[in-house]
Amino acid sequence: MSAIPPYWEPFREMIYEMVGHPQKDSLLLRDASPVFHVDNIKAPLFIAQGLNDPRVPKPESDQMLKL
């Protein structure tokens, strides 16, 4: 959520409502995060990341690759 681009700022509260608030819903977000469930993946996983993609920062994709 910290990577939300400035032009999405007006939608931040809507995103929090749809996905969860980083502080208020931290346990829920942790339980839903794929990074904490990598060991449950049974099929090959294709990860594609564009360096200029504002929705998925490169460090987040790299984090999945390291697991």
PDB file of N, CA and C in Angstrom:
ATOM      1  N   MET A   1       0.816  -1.206   0.000  1.00  0.00           N
ATOM      2  CA  MET A   1       0.000   0.000   0.000  1.00  0.00           C
ATOM      3  C   MET A   1       0.854   1.262   0.000  1.00  0.00           C
ATOM      4  N   SER A   2       2.081   1.140   0.461  1.00  0.00           N
ATOM      5  CA  SER A   2       2.940   2.329   0.483  1.00  0.00           C
ATOM      6  C   SER A   2       3.374   2.740  -0.915  1.00  0.00           C
ATOM      7  N   ALA A   3       3.159   1.862  -1.885  1.00  0.00           N
ATOM      8  CA  ALA A   3       3.574   2.160  -3.260  1.00  0.00           C
ATOM      9  C   ALA A   3       2.440   2.745  -4.101  1.00  0.00           C
ATOM     10  N   ILE A   4       1.339   3.122  -3.472  1.00  0.00           N
ATOM     11  CA  ILE A   4       0.231   3.716  -4.224  1.00  0.00           C
ATOM     12  C   ILE A   4       0.734   5.001  -4.873  1.00  0.00           C
ATOM     13  N   PRO A   5       0.609   5.108  -6.199  1.00  0.00           N
ATOM     14  CA  PRO A   5       1.108   6.311  -6.867  1.00  0.00           C
ATOM     15  C   PRO A   5       0.289   7.545  -6.491  1.00  0.00           C
ATOM     16  N   PRO A   6       0.894   8.718  -6.569  1.00  0.00           N
ATOM     17  CA  PRO A   6       0.208   9.948  -6.171  1.00  0.00           C
ATOM     18  C   PRO A   6      -1.138  10.163  -6.867  1.00  0.00           C
ATOM     19  N   TYR A   7      -1.239   9.777  -8.136  1.00  0.00           N
ATOM     20  CA  TYR A   7      -2.496  10.009  -8.848  1.00  0.00           C
ATOM     21  C   TYR A   7      -3.606   9.044  -8.412  1.00  0.00           C
ATOM     22  N   TRP A   8      -3.291   8.051  -7.580  1.00  0.00           N
ATOM     23  CA  TRP A   8      -4.321   7.164  -7.009  1.00  0.00           C
ATOM     24  C   TRP A   8      -4.745   7.633  -5.615  1.00  0.00           C
ATOM     25  N   GLU A   9      -4.074   8.656  -5.091  1.00  0.00           N
ATOM     26  CA  GLU A   9      -4.328   9.117  -3.724  1.00  0.00           C
ATOM     27  C   GLU A   9      -5.819   9.339  -3.421  1.00  0.00           C
ATOM     28  N   PRO A  10      -6.602   9.917  -4.346  1.00  0.00           N
ATOM     29  CA  PRO A  10      -8.025  10.100  -4.040  1.00  0.00           C
ATOM     30  C   PRO A  10      -8.781   8.779  -3.782  1.00  0.00           C
ATOM     31  N   PHE A  11      -8.196   7.667  -4.206  1.00  0.00           N
ATOM     32  CA  PHE A  11      -8.860   6.371  -4.051  1.00  0.00           C
ATOM     33  C   PHE A  11      -8.327   5.558  -2.875  1.00  0.00           C
ATOM     34  N   ARG A  12      -7.372   6.128  -2.125  1.00  0.00           N
ATOM     35  CA  ARG A  12      -6.732   5.379  -1.027  1.00  0.00           C
ATOM     36  C   ARG A  12      -7.756   4.812  -0.042  1.00  0.00           C
ATOM     37  N   GLU A  13      -8.693   5.612   0.421  1.00  0.00           N
ATOM     38  CA  GLU A  13      -9.679   5.123   1.397  1.00  0.00           C
ATOM     39  C   GLU A  13     -10.550   4.019   0.791  1.00  0.00           C
ATOM     40  N   MET A  14     -10.885   4.147  -0.492  1.00  0.00           N
ATOM     41  CA  MET A  14     -11.669   3.111  -1.156  1.00  0.00           C
ATOM     42  C   MET A  14     -10.863   1.802  -1.227  1.00  0.00           C
ATOM     43  N   ILE A  15      -9.573   1.912  -1.494  1.00  0.00           N
ATOM     44  CA  ILE A  15      -8.712   0.734  -1.536  1.00  0.00           C
ATOM     45  C   ILE A  15      -8.652   0.098  -0.152  1.00  0.00           C
ATOM     46  N   TYR A  16      -8.503   0.898   0.883  1.00  0.00           N
ATOM     47  CA  TYR A  16      -8.487   0.378   2.249  1.00  0.00           C
ATOM     48  C   TYR A  16      -9.795  -0.347   2.563  1.00  0.00           C
ATOM     49  N   GLU A  17     -10.901   0.196   2.104  1.00  0.00           N
ATOM     50  CA  GLU A  17     -12.196  -0.422   2.355  1.00  0.00           C
ATOM     51  C   GLU A  17     -12.322  -1.759   1.619  1.00  0.00           C
ATOM     52  N   MET A  18     -11.806  -1.819   0.394  1.00  0.00           N
ATOM     53  CA  MET A  18     -11.921  -3.041  -0.404  1.00  0.00           C
ATOM     54  C   MET A  18     -10.903  -4.109   0.017  1.00  0.00           C
ATOM     55  N   VAL A  19      -9.680  -3.699   0.317  1.00  0.00           N
ATOM     56  CA  VAL A  19      -8.595  -4.644   0.570  1.00  0.00           C
ATOM     57  C   VAL A  19      -8.304  -4.797   2.061  1.00  0.00           C
ATOM     58  N   GLY A  20      -8.350  -3.700   2.770  1.00  0.00           N
ATOM     59  CA  GLY A  20      -8.028  -3.691   4.189  1.00  0.00           C
ATOM     60  C   GLY A  20      -7.071  -2.558   4.487  1.00  0.00           C
ATOM     61  N   HIS A  21      -7.139  -2.051   5.684  1.00  0.00           N
ATOM     62  CA  HIS A  21      -6.283  -0.950   6.125  1.00  0.00           C
ATOM     63  C   HIS A  21      -4.981  -1.546   6.681  1.00  0.00           C
ATOM     64  N   PRO A  22      -3.834  -1.020   6.265  1.00  0.00           N
ATOM     65  CA  PRO A  22      -2.551  -1.602   6.679  1.00  0.00           C
ATOM     66  C   PRO A  22      -2.353  -1.717   8.194  1.00  0.00           C
ATOM     67  N   GLN A  23      -2.848  -0.762   8.959  1.00  0.00           N
ATOM     68  CA  GLN A  23      -2.694  -0.851  10.407  1.00  0.00           C
ATOM     69  C   GLN A  23      -3.873  -1.576  11.063  1.00  0.00           C
ATOM     70  N   LYS A  24      -5.072  -1.175  10.742  1.00  0.00           N
ATOM     71  CA  LYS A  24      -6.261  -1.735  11.394  1.00  0.00           C
ATOM     72  C   LYS A  24      -6.489  -3.206  11.044  1.00  0.00           C
ATOM     73  N   ASP A  25      -6.116  -3.603   9.834  1.00  0.00           N
ATOM     74  CA  ASP A  25      -6.385  -4.962   9.362  1.00  0.00           C
ATOM     75  C   ASP A  25      -5.098  -5.743   9.104  1.00  0.00           C
ATOM     76  N   SER A  26      -4.045  -5.436   9.840  1.00  0.00           N
ATOM     77  CA  SER A  26      -2.744  -6.037   9.558  1.00  0.00           C
ATOM     78  C   SER A  26      -2.763  -7.565   9.652  1.00  0.00           C
ATOM     79  N   LEU A  27      -3.475  -8.123  10.623  1.00  0.00           N
ATOM     80  CA  LEU A  27      -3.532  -9.584  10.752  1.00  0.00           C
ATOM     81  C   LEU A  27      -4.284 -10.211   9.583  1.00  0.00           C
ATOM     82  N   LEU A  28      -5.372  -9.591   9.174  1.00  0.00           N
ATOM     83  CA  LEU A  28      -6.138 -10.072   8.026  1.00  0.00           C
ATOM     84  C   LEU A  28      -5.280 -10.021   6.755  1.00  0.00           C
ATOM     85  N   LEU A  29      -4.572  -8.918   6.559  1.00  0.00           N
ATOM     86  CA  LEU A  29      -3.725  -8.776   5.374  1.00  0.00           C
ATOM     87  C   LEU A  29      -2.586  -9.791   5.387  1.00  0.00           C
ATOM     88  N   ARG A  30      -2.019 -10.046   6.547  1.00  0.00           N
ATOM     89  CA  ARG A  30      -0.951 -11.051   6.646  1.00  0.00           C
ATOM     90  C   ARG A  30      -1.489 -12.440   6.302  1.00  0.00           C
ATOM     91  N   ASP A  31      -2.664 -12.770   6.803  1.00  0.00           N
ATOM     92  CA  ASP A  31      -3.258 -14.080   6.515  1.00  0.00           C
ATOM     93  C   ASP A  31      -3.571 -14.259   5.035  1.00  0.00           C
ATOM     94  N   ALA A  32      -3.877 -13.170   4.342  1.00  0.00           N
ATOM     95  CA  ALA A  32      -4.250 -13.244   2.924  1.00  0.00           C
ATOM     96  C   ALA A  32      -3.064 -13.078   1.980  1.00  0.00           C
ATOM     97  N   SER A  33      -1.935 -12.619   2.493  1.00  0.00           N
ATOM     98  CA  SER A  33      -0.793 -12.307   1.639  1.00  0.00           C
ATOM     99  C   SER A  33      -0.160 -13.574   1.062  1.00  0.00           C
ATOM    100  N   PRO A  34       0.030 -13.628  -0.257  1.00  0.00           N
ATOM    101  CA  PRO A  34       0.656 -14.804  -0.877  1.00  0.00           C
ATOM    102  C   PRO A  34       2.082 -15.051  -0.394  1.00  0.00           C
ATOM    103  N   VAL A  35       2.762 -13.999   0.021  1.00  0.00           N
ATOM    104  CA  VAL A  35       4.154 -14.152   0.433  1.00  0.00           C
ATOM    105  C   VAL A  35       4.285 -15.068   1.654  1.00  0.00           C
ATOM    106  N   PHE A  36       3.236 -15.191   2.451  1.00  0.00           N
ATOM    107  CA  PHE A  36       3.269 -16.046   3.633  1.00  0.00           C
ATOM    108  C   PHE A  36       2.687 -17.435   3.372  1.00  0.00           C
ATOM    109  N   HIS A  37       2.337 -17.716   2.116  1.00  0.00           N
ATOM    110  CA  HIS A  37       1.745 -19.008   1.769  1.00  0.00           C
ATOM    111  C   HIS A  37       2.444 -19.663   0.585  1.00  0.00           C
ATOM    112  N   VAL A  38       3.674 -19.266   0.323  1.00  0.00           N
ATOM    113  CA  VAL A  38       4.417 -19.791  -0.822  1.00  0.00           C
ATOM    114  C   VAL A  38       4.540 -21.312  -0.738  1.00  0.00           C
ATOM    115  N   ASP A  39       4.696 -21.840   0.444  1.00  0.00           N
ATOM    116  CA  ASP A  39       4.859 -23.283   0.602  1.00  0.00           C
ATOM    117  C   ASP A  39       3.600 -24.067   0.220  1.00  0.00           C
ATOM    118  N   ASN A  40       2.473 -23.402   0.069  1.00  0.00           N
ATOM    119  CA  ASN A  40       1.225 -24.069  -0.321  1.00  0.00           C
ATOM    120  C   ASN A  40       1.016 -24.099  -1.835  1.00  0.00           C
ATOM    121  N   ILE A  41       1.875 -23.452  -2.592  1.00  0.00           N
ATOM    122  CA  ILE A  41       1.731 -23.414  -4.049  1.00  0.00           C
ATOM    123  C   ILE A  41       2.103 -24.784  -4.610  1.00  0.00           C
ATOM    124  N   LYS A  42       1.172 -25.379  -5.354  1.00  0.00           N
ATOM    125  CA  LYS A  42       1.373 -26.729  -5.878  1.00  0.00           C
ATOM    126  C   LYS A  42       1.668 -26.756  -7.379  1.00  0.00           C
ATOM    127  N   ALA A  43       1.366 -25.695  -8.080  1.00  0.00           N
ATOM    128  CA  ALA A  43       1.564 -25.636  -9.528  1.00  0.00           C
ATOM    129  C   ALA A  43       2.640 -24.599  -9.840  1.00  0.00           C
ATOM    130  N   PRO A  44       3.249 -24.685 -11.008  1.00  0.00           N
ATOM    131  CA  PRO A  44       4.227 -23.658 -11.383  1.00  0.00           C
ATOM    132  C   PRO A  44       3.604 -22.264 -11.312  1.00  0.00           C
ATOM    133  N   LEU A  45       4.382 -21.319 -10.861  1.00  0.00           N
ATOM    134  CA  LEU A  45       3.913 -19.943 -10.702  1.00  0.00           C
ATOM    135  C   LEU A  45       4.669 -19.039 -11.671  1.00  0.00           C
ATOM    136  N   PHE A  46       3.936 -18.355 -12.515  1.00  0.00           N
ATOM    137  CA  PHE A  46       4.520 -17.413 -13.466  1.00  0.00           C
ATOM    138  C   PHE A  46       4.440 -16.020 -12.862  1.00  0.00           C
ATOM    139  N   ILE A  47       5.574 -15.384 -12.710  1.00  0.00           N
ATOM    140  CA  ILE A  47       5.617 -14.031 -12.156  1.00  0.00           C
ATOM    141  C   ILE A  47       6.120 -13.098 -13.251  1.00  0.00           C
ATOM    142  N   ALA A  48       5.313 -12.123 -13.618  1.00  0.00           N
ATOM    143  CA  ALA A  48       5.690 -11.128 -14.615  1.00  0.00           C
ATOM    144  C   ALA A  48       5.586  -9.757 -13.963  1.00  0.00           C
ATOM    145  N   GLN A  49       6.568  -8.941 -14.173  1.00  0.00           N
ATOM    146  CA  GLN A  49       6.615  -7.629 -13.511  1.00  0.00           C
ATOM    147  C   GLN A  49       7.206  -6.619 -14.478  1.00  0.00           C
ATOM    148  N   GLY A  50       6.499  -5.515 -14.659  1.00  0.00           N
ATOM    149  CA  GLY A  50       7.023  -4.403 -15.452  1.00  0.00           C
ATOM    150  C   GLY A  50       7.658  -3.387 -14.516  1.00  0.00           C
ATOM    151  N   LEU A  51       8.825  -2.928 -14.848  1.00  0.00           N
ATOM    152  CA  LEU A  51       9.535  -1.995 -13.961  1.00  0.00           C
ATOM    153  C   LEU A  51       8.744  -0.728 -13.677  1.00  0.00           C
ATOM    154  N   ASN A  52       7.872  -0.324 -14.583  1.00  0.00           N
ATOM    155  CA  ASN A  52       7.093   0.901 -14.389  1.00  0.00           C
ATOM    156  C   ASN A  52       5.667   0.628 -13.938  1.00  0.00           C
ATOM    157  N   ASP A  53       5.380  -0.578 -13.501  1.00  0.00           N
ATOM    158  CA  ASP A  53       4.030  -0.937 -13.053  1.00  0.00           C
ATOM    159  C   ASP A  53       3.781  -0.340 -11.664  1.00  0.00           C
ATOM    160  N   PRO A  54       2.842   0.595 -11.526  1.00  0.00           N
ATOM    161  CA  PRO A  54       2.615   1.221 -10.229  1.00  0.00           C
ATOM    162  C   PRO A  54       1.868   0.313  -9.247  1.00  0.00           C
ATOM    163  N   ARG A  55       1.258  -0.763  -9.735  1.00  0.00           N
ATOM    164  CA  ARG A  55       0.465  -1.626  -8.857  1.00  0.00           C
ATOM    165  C   ARG A  55       1.305  -2.637  -8.108  1.00  0.00           C
ATOM    166  N   VAL A  56       2.391  -3.088  -8.704  1.00  0.00           N
ATOM    167  CA  VAL A  56       3.249  -4.082  -8.069  1.00  0.00           C
ATOM    168  C   VAL A  56       4.699  -3.609  -8.168  1.00  0.00           C
ATOM    169  N   PRO A  57       5.209  -3.017  -7.106  1.00  0.00           N
ATOM    170  CA  PRO A  57       6.600  -2.565  -7.135  1.00  0.00           C
ATOM    171  C   PRO A  57       7.561  -3.745  -7.328  1.00  0.00           C
ATOM    172  N   LYS A  58       8.653  -3.514  -8.029  1.00  0.00           N
ATOM    173  CA  LYS A  58       9.615  -4.566  -8.314  1.00  0.00           C
ATOM    174  C   LYS A  58      10.095  -5.287  -7.052  1.00  0.00           C
ATOM    175  N   PRO A  59      10.373  -4.599  -5.956  1.00  0.00           N
ATOM    176  CA  PRO A  59      10.811  -5.328  -4.756  1.00  0.00           C
ATOM    177  C   PRO A  59       9.793  -6.371  -4.268  1.00  0.00           C
ATOM    178  N   GLU A  60       8.511  -6.128  -4.489  1.00  0.00           N
ATOM    179  CA  GLU A  60       7.504  -7.111  -4.075  1.00  0.00           C
ATOM    180  C   GLU A  60       7.561  -8.355  -4.952  1.00  0.00           C
ATOM    181  N   SER A  61       7.754  -8.177  -6.250  1.00  0.00           N
ATOM    182  CA  SER A  61       7.916  -9.327  -7.143  1.00  0.00           C
ATOM    183  C   SER A  61       9.201 -10.074  -6.798  1.00  0.00           C
ATOM    184  N   ASP A  62      10.272  -9.339  -6.555  1.00  0.00           N
ATOM    185  CA  ASP A  62      11.550  -9.963  -6.190  1.00  0.00           C
ATOM    186  C   ASP A  62      11.414 -10.764  -4.902  1.00  0.00           C
ATOM    187  N   GLN A  63      10.613 -10.284  -3.980  1.00  0.00           N
ATOM    188  CA  GLN A  63      10.399 -10.976  -2.721  1.00  0.00           C
ATOM    189  C   GLN A  63       9.790 -12.349  -2.971  1.00  0.00           C
ATOM    190  N   MET A  64       8.828 -12.440  -3.875  1.00  0.00           N
ATOM    191  CA  MET A  64       8.216 -13.727  -4.200  1.00  0.00           C
ATOM    192  C   MET A  64       9.247 -14.656  -4.843  1.00  0.00           C
ATOM    193  N   LEU A  65      10.097 -14.117  -5.692  1.00  0.00           N
ATOM    194  CA  LEU A  65      11.095 -14.939  -6.375  1.00  0.00           C
ATOM    195  C   LEU A  65      12.108 -15.525  -5.393  1.00  0.00           C
ATOM    196  N   LYS A  66      12.408 -14.812  -4.341  1.00  0.00           N
ATOM    197  CA  LYS A  66      13.397 -15.276  -3.361  1.00  0.00           C
ATOM    198  C   LYS A  66      12.868 -16.407  -2.481  1.00  0.00           C
ATOM    199  N   LEU A  67      11.541 -16.491  -2.411  1.00  0.00           N
ATOM    200  CA  LEU A  67      10.950 -17.518  -1.549  1.00  0.00           C
ATOM    201  C   LEU A  67      10.924 -18.803  -2.296  1.00  0.00           C
TER     202      LEU A  67
END
